[in-house]
Protein backbone atom coordinates (compact mmCIF):
# COMPACT_ATOMS: atom_id res chain seq x y z
CA MET A 1 -35.36 49.92 -26.71
CA ILE A 2 -36.46 53.05 -24.85
CA LYS A 3 -36.30 56.12 -27.05
CA ASP A 4 -37.42 58.80 -24.65
CA TYR A 5 -36.22 58.32 -21.02
CA SER A 6 -38.27 61.22 -19.80
CA LYS A 7 -41.28 59.01 -20.12
CA LEU A 8 -39.66 56.07 -18.27
CA PHE A 9 -41.67 56.67 -15.14
CA SER A 10 -44.95 57.68 -16.92
CA VAL A 11 -48.21 56.27 -15.71
CA LYS A 12 -50.32 58.52 -18.07
CA ASP A 13 -53.65 56.89 -18.92
CA LYS A 14 -52.80 53.60 -17.05
CA VAL A 15 -55.85 52.14 -15.35
CA VAL A 16 -55.05 51.31 -11.72
CA ILE A 17 -57.07 49.72 -8.99
CA ILE A 18 -56.21 50.40 -5.36
CA THR A 19 -57.86 48.31 -2.72
CA GLY A 20 -58.30 50.04 0.65
CA GLY A 21 -57.97 53.16 -1.36
CA ALA A 22 -60.00 55.36 1.04
CA GLY A 23 -57.47 54.73 3.90
CA PHE A 24 -54.55 56.87 5.01
CA LEU A 25 -52.01 55.55 2.62
CA GLY A 26 -54.33 54.31 -0.07
CA SER A 27 -55.72 57.78 -0.63
CA GLN A 28 -52.16 59.07 -0.87
CA TYR A 29 -51.41 56.51 -3.57
CA ALA A 30 -54.56 57.43 -5.44
CA GLU A 31 -53.70 61.08 -5.37
CA ILE A 32 -50.17 60.70 -6.59
CA LEU A 33 -51.20 58.39 -9.36
CA ALA A 34 -54.17 60.61 -10.56
CA LEU A 35 -51.89 63.67 -10.50
CA SER A 36 -49.41 61.77 -12.64
CA GLY A 37 -52.08 61.09 -15.21
CA ALA A 38 -53.36 57.60 -14.28
CA LYS A 39 -57.19 56.68 -14.13
CA VAL A 40 -57.53 55.37 -10.60
CA ILE A 41 -60.32 53.20 -9.24
CA VAL A 42 -60.64 53.05 -5.47
CA TRP A 43 -62.06 50.03 -3.86
CA ASP A 44 -62.84 50.17 -0.11
CA VAL A 45 -65.22 48.54 2.39
CA ALA A 46 -66.12 51.90 3.77
CA PRO A 47 -69.68 53.33 2.93
CA GLN A 48 -69.95 55.17 -0.48
CA ASN A 49 -70.39 58.65 1.20
CA VAL A 50 -67.17 58.18 3.16
CA ILE A 51 -65.23 57.14 0.01
CA ASP A 52 -66.75 60.10 -1.92
CA ASN A 53 -65.81 62.54 0.87
CA LYS A 54 -62.23 61.15 0.99
CA LEU A 55 -61.76 61.42 -2.74
CA SER A 56 -63.41 64.82 -3.26
CA LYS A 57 -60.16 66.72 -2.62
CA ILE A 58 -58.32 64.61 -5.21
CA LYS A 59 -61.15 65.17 -7.77
CA LYS A 60 -60.86 68.88 -7.30
CA LYS A 61 -57.21 68.63 -8.27
CA VAL A 62 -57.47 66.25 -11.24
CA GLY A 63 -61.10 66.18 -12.35
CA LYS A 64 -64.00 64.01 -11.28
CA ASN A 65 -63.45 61.43 -14.08
CA ARG A 66 -59.87 60.49 -13.16
CA VAL A 67 -60.61 58.97 -9.77
CA ILE A 68 -63.59 56.75 -9.09
CA GLY A 69 -64.49 55.28 -5.67
CA LYS A 70 -66.64 52.22 -5.04
CA THR A 71 -67.66 50.37 -1.93
CA LEU A 72 -66.51 46.86 -2.29
CA ASP A 73 -65.82 43.90 -0.06
CA ILE A 74 -62.56 42.29 -1.42
CA THR A 75 -63.38 39.06 0.46
CA ASP A 76 -66.42 38.59 -1.77
CA GLU A 77 -65.27 36.98 -4.91
CA ASP A 78 -68.45 37.67 -6.84
CA GLN A 79 -68.31 41.38 -6.03
CA VAL A 80 -64.63 41.56 -7.12
CA LYS A 81 -65.26 39.69 -10.55
CA LYS A 82 -68.15 42.02 -11.19
CA ALA A 83 -66.18 45.13 -10.42
CA VAL A 84 -63.31 43.98 -12.70
CA ALA A 85 -65.75 43.32 -15.55
CA GLU A 86 -67.17 46.88 -15.07
CA ILE A 87 -63.77 48.31 -15.28
CA ILE A 88 -63.02 46.57 -18.55
CA ALA A 89 -66.34 47.63 -19.97
CA THR A 90 -65.59 51.18 -19.07
CA PHE A 91 -61.88 51.46 -19.94
CA SER A 92 -61.14 48.55 -22.13
CA ARG A 93 -57.90 47.92 -20.21
CA LEU A 94 -56.47 47.32 -16.85
CA ASP A 95 -52.83 48.01 -16.16
CA CYS A 96 -52.15 47.83 -12.45
CA LEU A 97 -53.51 46.48 -9.20
CA ILE A 98 -52.34 47.76 -5.88
CA ASN A 99 -53.39 45.26 -3.17
CA ASN A 100 -53.30 47.71 -0.30
CA ALA A 101 -56.31 46.85 1.78
CA ALA A 102 -55.46 45.28 5.17
CA MET A 103 -56.57 45.29 8.82
CA ASN A 104 -53.84 47.20 10.57
CA PRO A 105 -54.23 48.10 14.28
CA ALA A 106 -52.50 51.54 14.17
CA VAL A 107 -51.41 53.59 17.27
CA GLY A 108 -53.86 56.42 17.85
CA LYS A 109 -57.03 54.74 16.37
CA ASP A 110 -59.96 54.48 18.71
CA ASP A 111 -60.61 50.75 18.09
CA ALA A 112 -56.97 49.56 18.10
CA SER A 113 -56.71 48.55 21.74
CA LYS A 114 -58.38 45.17 21.41
CA LEU A 115 -55.81 44.29 18.70
CA PHE A 116 -52.74 44.89 20.82
CA VAL A 117 -53.36 42.09 23.45
CA SER A 118 -50.74 39.49 24.25
CA TYR A 119 -50.46 36.67 21.77
CA GLU A 120 -51.71 33.88 24.05
CA ASP A 121 -54.93 36.00 24.54
CA TYR A 122 -55.37 36.97 20.95
CA PRO A 123 -58.87 36.17 19.79
CA VAL A 124 -59.02 33.39 17.13
CA ASP A 125 -61.96 35.27 15.51
CA LEU A 126 -59.78 38.37 14.99
CA TRP A 127 -57.05 36.11 13.72
CA ARG A 128 -59.28 34.61 11.06
CA LYS A 129 -60.65 38.01 10.11
CA GLU A 130 -57.19 39.55 9.54
CA LEU A 131 -56.18 36.57 7.39
CA GLU A 132 -59.31 36.83 5.43
CA VAL A 133 -58.74 40.51 4.62
CA ASN A 134 -54.98 40.60 4.31
CA LEU A 135 -54.46 37.40 2.45
CA THR A 136 -57.62 35.95 1.18
CA GLY A 137 -58.83 39.37 -0.17
CA MET A 138 -55.54 39.74 -1.85
CA MET A 139 -55.79 36.32 -3.48
CA ILE A 140 -59.27 37.10 -4.78
CA CYS A 141 -58.25 40.42 -6.29
CA THR A 142 -55.17 38.98 -7.81
CA LYS A 143 -57.06 36.01 -9.35
CA ALA A 144 -59.54 38.40 -10.86
CA VAL A 145 -57.12 40.78 -12.51
CA ALA A 146 -54.61 38.11 -13.43
CA ARG A 147 -57.03 36.63 -15.99
CA VAL A 148 -57.25 40.02 -17.70
CA MET A 149 -53.57 40.75 -17.60
CA ILE A 150 -52.63 37.27 -19.02
CA LYS A 151 -54.95 37.85 -21.88
CA ASN A 152 -53.45 41.25 -22.52
CA LYS A 153 -49.85 40.06 -21.95
CA ASN A 154 -49.24 43.09 -19.82
CA GLY A 155 -49.72 44.40 -16.27
CA SER A 156 -48.18 45.16 -12.87
CA ILE A 157 -49.43 44.11 -9.54
CA ILE A 158 -48.18 45.58 -6.25
CA ASN A 159 -48.77 43.85 -2.96
CA ILE A 160 -48.34 46.16 0.01
CA ALA A 161 -46.45 44.23 2.63
CA SER A 162 -44.63 45.97 5.47
CA GLU A 163 -41.28 46.38 7.19
CA VAL A 164 -42.37 43.39 9.36
CA SER A 165 -42.12 41.11 6.32
CA ASN A 166 -38.40 41.41 6.97
CA ILE A 167 -38.12 41.74 10.69
CA ALA A 168 -39.99 41.18 13.88
CA HIS A 169 -41.95 44.05 15.47
CA ASP A 170 -40.18 45.43 18.58
CA HIS A 171 -42.95 45.82 21.14
CA ARG A 172 -40.76 48.10 23.29
CA VAL A 173 -41.61 50.98 20.95
CA TYR A 174 -45.04 51.15 22.77
CA ASN A 175 -43.38 51.81 26.08
CA GLN A 176 -46.21 50.07 27.73
CA PRO A 177 -46.38 46.55 29.42
CA ASN A 178 -48.51 43.98 27.73
CA LYS A 179 -49.00 45.88 24.50
CA TYR A 180 -47.99 43.89 21.40
CA LYS A 181 -48.39 44.32 17.61
CA SER A 182 -51.09 42.12 16.21
CA ILE A 183 -49.53 38.70 15.55
CA ALA A 184 -51.97 38.15 12.65
CA TYR A 185 -50.83 41.41 10.99
CA VAL A 186 -47.15 40.44 11.22
CA THR A 187 -47.84 36.91 10.01
CA THR A 188 -49.93 38.02 7.02
CA LYS A 189 -47.42 40.68 5.91
CA THR A 190 -44.66 38.15 5.94
CA ALA A 191 -46.87 35.80 3.94
CA VAL A 192 -47.50 38.51 1.38
CA VAL A 193 -43.91 38.04 0.25
CA GLY A 194 -44.28 34.36 -0.35
CA PHE A 195 -47.59 34.96 -2.02
CA THR A 196 -45.85 37.61 -4.40
CA ARG A 197 -43.02 35.21 -5.32
CA GLN A 198 -45.27 32.41 -6.30
CA TRP A 199 -47.59 34.50 -8.28
CA ALA A 200 -44.59 35.99 -10.08
CA ALA A 201 -43.55 32.47 -11.12
CA ARG A 202 -47.04 31.99 -12.45
CA LEU A 203 -47.34 35.28 -14.42
CA GLY A 204 -43.75 36.09 -15.59
CA ARG A 205 -44.02 34.38 -18.96
CA HIS A 206 -47.15 36.40 -19.76
CA ASN A 207 -45.25 39.65 -19.26
CA VAL A 208 -47.29 40.36 -16.03
CA ARG A 209 -45.11 41.56 -13.19
CA ILE A 210 -45.97 41.23 -9.39
CA ASN A 211 -43.86 42.70 -6.61
CA ALA A 212 -44.14 43.31 -2.91
CA PHE A 213 -43.57 46.72 -1.32
CA SER A 214 -42.52 46.82 2.36
CA PRO A 215 -42.82 50.34 3.77
CA GLY A 216 -41.78 51.47 7.17
CA GLY A 217 -44.07 53.20 9.64
CA VAL A 218 -45.69 56.42 8.51
CA GLN A 219 -46.46 59.22 10.80
CA ASN A 220 -49.96 60.66 10.97
CA GLU A 221 -51.72 63.35 12.81
CA LYS A 222 -53.43 61.07 15.28
CA MET A 223 -50.21 59.42 16.36
CA PRO A 224 -48.77 60.46 19.66
CA LEU A 225 -45.59 62.45 19.12
CA ASP A 226 -43.65 60.48 21.80
CA PHE A 227 -44.48 57.32 19.96
CA ALA A 228 -43.48 58.68 16.64
CA LYS A 229 -40.16 59.61 18.19
CA ARG A 230 -39.39 56.26 19.64
CA PHE A 231 -40.48 54.56 16.37
CA GLY A 232 -38.30 56.93 14.30
CA ASP A 233 -35.28 56.40 16.54
CA MET A 234 -35.24 52.63 15.65
CA ASN A 235 -34.11 53.37 11.99
CA MET A 236 -30.94 54.90 10.41
CA LEU A 237 -32.69 58.21 9.42
CA GLY A 238 -34.11 58.74 13.00
CA ARG A 239 -37.62 59.48 12.04
CA MET A 240 -40.84 58.00 10.73
CA ALA A 241 -41.75 58.28 7.03
CA GLN A 242 -44.04 60.96 5.85
CA PRO A 243 -46.86 59.86 3.48
CA TYR A 244 -45.45 61.54 0.32
CA GLU A 245 -42.14 59.61 0.61
CA TYR A 246 -43.65 56.55 -0.77
CA ALA A 247 -45.04 58.22 -3.92
CA GLY A 248 -41.95 57.45 -5.92
CA VAL A 249 -42.16 53.73 -5.01
CA ILE A 250 -45.63 53.57 -6.16
CA ILE A 251 -44.91 55.41 -9.56
CA PHE A 252 -41.79 53.18 -10.00
CA LEU A 253 -43.68 49.85 -9.56
CA CYS A 254 -46.58 50.98 -11.75
CA SER A 255 -44.42 52.34 -14.58
CA ASP A 256 -42.21 50.78 -17.08
CA ALA A 257 -39.24 51.93 -15.03
CA SER A 258 -39.67 48.60 -13.22
CA SER A 259 -40.20 46.53 -16.37
CA PHE A 260 -37.54 43.92 -15.35
CA MET A 261 -38.55 43.58 -11.81
CA THR A 262 -40.89 40.75 -10.62
CA GLY A 263 -41.13 38.58 -7.52
CA GLY A 264 -39.21 41.22 -5.60
CA ASN A 265 -39.83 42.82 -2.23
CA LEU A 266 -38.89 46.54 -2.28
CA THR A 267 -38.16 47.58 1.18
CA VAL A 268 -38.18 51.30 2.13
CA ASP A 269 -37.84 51.52 5.92
CA GLY A 270 -35.28 54.25 6.60
CA GLY A 271 -32.64 51.60 6.93
CA LYS A 272 -34.33 49.96 9.85
CA SER A 273 -33.92 46.29 8.55
CA ALA A 274 -30.17 46.99 7.61
CA TRP A 275 -29.01 47.57 11.21
């Protein structure tokens, strides 16, 4: 029985891993969790200096010991196992994993054009690479932390999916002929939901929860304003999400507030999939 509801959403002193934590949304999740009292470990394939630079602003707010960044390839099982062992040796616990890392061809990025080609021309090597990062990497990380959480009879895993786990991506938003959202991205984000359900069936009796989170599109400073307007007009609120608007979802899924939720897919898309 809960005796103090003011602590229902507390993540104080929880040890949380965030994959892809140096990216646009990953760093947002790291900041909100650290500011809320969690101990955050960021894994990212980016070079260590890039990760350190990304996390420096967070450390100034919360202290250098509350957020740790590490260069790590989540598709390398040996690297992941070693990193988990290091966390246990340092903190003696592991409470949450946020499987956030993914290849995501985003509008406004310099290297995105090659990922927006028509599906009949989509390179198979890119297809394999996206599956390797978006799904195989998630499997490797989940396997590694599940062993610890099963032993401790406690834990929460959050798999970042996408609004396209529920619906198809509407290519008309690009307002350009022959420009298509990556078929591999949409496929993997849909697969994340099934992956989540099956892991939930495995972990539930061990008091370990695993849920998917399907966010809608998030506006960033590199995004063309006309694209952001078209994208926003496709949901009920008439705008894209701002990064801070997913903070509450992350806190909810990491905290005891979601203690009876597992195998779910929490969709936060401005009502887009409810049309």
